[in-house]
Protein backbone atom coordinates (compact mmCIF):
# COMPACT_ATOMS: atom_id res chain seq x y z
CA MET A 1 68.19 -110.33 -64.58
CA VAL A 2 67.00 -109.84 -60.75
CA ALA A 3 64.96 -106.65 -61.50
CA THR A 4 63.04 -104.58 -64.33
CA HIS A 5 63.56 -101.14 -65.43
CA ASP A 6 60.15 -100.23 -63.87
CA TRP A 7 61.25 -101.92 -60.43
CA LEU A 8 64.02 -100.53 -59.85
CA ASP A 9 63.00 -96.58 -61.14
CA HIS A 10 60.27 -96.99 -58.34
CA TYR A 11 62.50 -98.36 -55.46
CA LYS A 12 65.82 -96.02 -56.04
CA ASN A 13 67.52 -96.44 -52.76
CA SER A 14 67.36 -100.22 -52.66
CA THR A 15 70.25 -102.37 -52.72
CA LEU A 16 71.13 -105.91 -53.79
CA SER A 17 74.26 -107.78 -53.11
CA SER A 18 75.84 -111.07 -53.29
CA LEU A 19 76.41 -112.57 -50.41
CA PRO A 20 79.79 -115.26 -50.07
CA LYS A 21 79.48 -118.20 -51.90
CA ILE A 22 78.27 -120.96 -49.54
CA SER A 23 77.54 -123.60 -51.76
CA LEU A 24 79.48 -124.65 -55.23
CA ASP A 25 76.26 -124.27 -57.05
CA HIS A 26 75.27 -120.73 -55.90
CA ARG A 27 75.10 -117.71 -54.03
CA SER A 28 72.79 -116.46 -51.96
CA ILE A 29 71.54 -112.70 -52.53
CA MET A 30 70.30 -109.72 -50.31
CA LEU A 31 67.60 -107.76 -51.29
CA LYS A 32 67.63 -104.39 -48.60
CA LEU A 33 64.40 -102.06 -49.58
CA GLU A 34 64.00 -98.19 -48.97
CA LYS A 35 61.82 -97.72 -46.19
CA ILE A 36 58.05 -96.36 -47.68
CA LYS A 37 57.04 -94.02 -45.59
CA LYS A 38 53.72 -94.47 -44.46
CA LYS A 39 50.66 -91.86 -45.84
CA HIS A 40 49.56 -89.82 -43.50
CA CYS A 41 45.80 -91.73 -42.81
CA PRO A 42 43.15 -88.82 -41.98
CA PHE A 43 41.19 -89.34 -38.24
CA LYS A 44 37.79 -90.69 -38.48
CA PHE A 45 35.51 -90.19 -35.76
CA GLU A 46 33.56 -93.07 -35.44
CA ASN A 47 30.09 -93.19 -33.99
CA MET A 48 30.21 -96.52 -31.66
CA TRP A 49 32.40 -94.45 -29.80
CA MET A 50 29.66 -92.90 -28.43
CA THR A 51 28.02 -96.30 -27.25
CA HIS A 52 30.87 -96.43 -24.92
CA GLY A 53 29.77 -96.09 -21.18
CA GLU A 54 33.52 -94.30 -20.24
CA PHE A 55 33.95 -92.37 -23.75
CA LYS A 56 32.13 -88.85 -22.60
CA ASN A 57 34.00 -89.00 -19.25
CA ARG A 58 37.64 -90.30 -21.50
CA ILE A 59 37.04 -87.15 -23.71
CA SER A 60 36.56 -84.72 -20.17
CA GLU A 61 39.22 -85.86 -19.00
CA TRP A 62 41.67 -85.82 -22.17
CA TRP A 63 40.13 -82.23 -22.84
CA GLN A 64 40.91 -80.96 -19.58
CA LEU A 65 44.79 -81.29 -20.14
CA LYS A 66 46.45 -78.24 -19.70
CA VAL A 67 48.01 -76.86 -22.51
CA VAL A 68 49.85 -73.71 -22.58
CA GLY A 69 49.69 -71.21 -25.57
CA LYS A 70 47.12 -69.01 -28.11
CA THR A 71 43.67 -70.20 -28.61
CA MET A 72 44.41 -71.94 -32.06
CA PHE A 73 47.61 -74.17 -30.28
CA ARG A 74 45.64 -75.33 -27.81
CA LEU A 75 42.47 -76.55 -29.67
CA THR A 76 44.72 -77.96 -32.08
CA LYS A 77 46.70 -79.47 -29.16
CA ASN A 78 43.93 -80.55 -27.19
CA LEU A 79 42.60 -82.38 -30.56
CA ASP A 80 46.00 -84.27 -31.73
CA ASP A 81 45.57 -85.58 -27.81
CA VAL A 82 42.13 -86.53 -28.00
CA LYS A 83 42.89 -87.93 -31.43
CA ARG A 84 46.02 -89.91 -30.22
CA ASN A 85 44.60 -91.35 -27.20
CA LEU A 86 41.54 -92.91 -29.18
CA LYS A 87 43.96 -94.54 -31.46
CA ILE A 88 45.42 -96.46 -28.63
């Protein structure tokens, strides 16, 4: 047995196949696992960023980028841009 029923239930889109025989006494197997989606991690502001000398200038720079749309769309887009830049 290569996998339990619980394992197979958990990884439904995975495949297991035997490869061509290379030696006389065994065959190799190939296990292809499904891609596991990353969970969404909420943005978390770090207070230590405030101590960086360029932090306020960078935020101002990123916030000034022109976004076209309604007010709530512009706010959301600006926040996303700041978040993306902070994660780099």
